Amino acid sequence: MFHQLMKQVTDLTINTEERLKGVIDLVFEKAIDEPSFSVAYANMCRCLATLKVPTADKPNITVNFRKLLLNRCQKEFERDKVDDVVLERKQKELDSATSVIIQ
């Protein structure tokens, strides 16, 4: 099954940064949605780690799958951190509103 999936991915024309980011987004979302297949998605990332494409703004410079995947992970981590801060602030607002109502 893994080899078939890898063949499908490697048969894709991934020759631009936008397409590579699209592949990364798909793999990332699938890995989150299907945790039972996380090992397969991790192996896929390992196989694709050195795939390089020209950057969108500077065609003479390349970017690889690994770097873009790490950027995606970092962005997701920071988004979750912001969500936690917002949640904590809302919880404090609820707590203070509840204490006012109880008094």
Protein backbone atom coordinates (compact mmCIF):
# COMPACT_ATOMS: atom_id res chain seq x y z
CA MET A 1 0.00 0.00 0.00
CA PHE A 2 2.78 2.46 0.96
CA HIS A 3 4.68 1.79 -2.27
CA GLN A 4 1.55 2.43 -4.34
CA LEU A 5 0.94 5.70 -2.52
CA MET A 6 4.57 6.78 -2.97
CA LYS A 7 4.37 5.92 -6.67
CA GLN A 8 1.28 8.11 -7.03
CA VAL A 9 3.03 11.00 -5.29
CA THR A 10 6.28 10.66 -7.22
CA ASP A 11 4.33 10.46 -10.49
CA LEU A 12 2.92 13.93 -9.79
CA THR A 13 4.59 16.88 -11.45
CA ILE A 14 5.91 18.72 -8.41
CA ASN A 15 8.04 21.39 -10.03
CA THR A 16 6.97 24.60 -8.30
CA GLU A 17 7.00 25.83 -4.72
CA GLU A 18 3.21 26.16 -4.81
CA ARG A 19 2.74 22.53 -5.85
CA LEU A 20 5.24 21.33 -3.25
CA LYS A 21 3.40 23.28 -0.56
CA GLY A 22 0.16 21.69 -1.78
CA VAL A 23 1.63 18.21 -1.37
CA ILE A 24 2.91 19.14 2.09
CA ASP A 25 -0.50 20.46 3.12
CA LEU A 26 -2.17 17.24 1.95
CA VAL A 27 0.31 14.99 3.74
CA PHE A 28 0.16 17.12 6.89
CA GLU A 29 -3.65 17.14 7.03
CA LYS A 30 -3.91 13.42 6.25
CA ALA A 31 -1.41 12.60 9.00
CA ILE A 32 -3.47 14.58 11.50
CA ASP A 33 -6.82 13.19 10.31
CA GLU A 34 -5.60 9.58 10.16
CA PRO A 35 -3.30 9.00 13.15
CA SER A 36 -3.33 5.24 12.58
CA PHE A 37 -1.39 5.87 9.35
CA SER A 38 1.03 8.40 10.86
CA VAL A 39 4.00 6.05 10.43
CA ALA A 40 3.26 5.75 6.71
CA TYR A 41 3.01 9.53 6.36
CA ALA A 42 6.25 9.97 8.31
CA ASN A 43 7.96 7.51 5.96
CA MET A 44 6.55 9.41 3.01
CA CYS A 45 8.03 12.63 4.40
CA ARG A 46 11.38 10.89 4.83
CA CYS A 47 11.29 9.75 1.20
CA LEU A 48 10.33 13.23 -0.05
CA ALA A 49 12.67 15.18 2.27
CA THR A 50 15.25 15.98 -0.41
CA LEU A 51 12.78 16.90 -3.17
CA LYS A 52 13.82 20.39 -4.37
CA VAL A 53 11.99 22.99 -6.44
CA PRO A 54 12.79 26.59 -7.42
CA THR A 55 11.45 29.24 -5.05
CA ALA A 56 8.58 31.35 -6.32
CA ASP A 57 10.33 34.71 -5.93
CA LYS A 58 13.91 33.68 -6.84
CA PRO A 59 13.97 30.92 -9.49
CA ASN A 60 17.75 30.47 -9.14
CA ILE A 61 17.32 29.39 -5.51
CA THR A 62 15.71 26.11 -4.53
CA VAL A 63 13.71 25.06 -1.50
CA ASN A 64 13.23 21.48 -0.38
CA PHE A 65 10.34 19.45 1.01
CA ARG A 66 11.93 19.17 4.44
CA LYS A 67 12.31 22.94 4.92
CA LEU A 68 8.78 23.69 3.78
CA LEU A 69 7.39 20.90 5.98
CA LEU A 70 9.23 22.29 9.01
CA ASN A 71 7.83 25.76 8.21
CA ARG A 72 4.33 24.27 8.06
CA CYS A 73 4.80 22.50 11.39
CA GLN A 74 6.13 25.67 13.01
CA LYS A 75 3.19 27.69 11.70
CA GLU A 76 0.74 25.11 13.08
CA PHE A 77 2.52 25.08 16.44
CA GLU A 78 2.40 28.88 16.69
CA ARG A 79 -1.26 28.92 15.68
CA ASP A 80 -2.06 26.44 18.44
CA LYS A 81 -0.11 28.58 20.94
CA VAL A 82 -2.13 31.66 19.95
CA ASP A 83 -5.33 29.63 20.29
CA ASP A 84 -4.24 28.60 23.80
CA VAL A 85 -3.63 32.24 24.79
CA VAL A 86 -7.06 33.27 23.46
CA LEU A 87 -8.69 30.34 25.26
CA GLU A 88 -6.97 31.24 28.52
CA ARG A 89 -8.07 34.89 28.21
CA LYS A 90 -11.68 33.86 27.50
CA GLN A 91 -11.60 31.48 30.49
CA LYS A 92 -10.48 34.34 32.75
CA GLU A 93 -13.31 36.51 31.39
CA LEU A 94 -15.81 33.73 32.11
CA ASP A 95 -14.40 33.21 35.60
CA SER A 96 -14.64 36.91 36.43
CA ALA A 97 -18.16 37.13 34.99
CA THR A 98 -19.21 34.08 37.01
CA SER A 99 -17.78 35.54 40.22
CA VAL A 100 -19.73 38.78 39.64
CA ILE A 101 -22.98 36.86 39.06
CA ILE A 102 -22.49 34.73 42.20
CA GLN A 103 -21.93 37.76 44.44
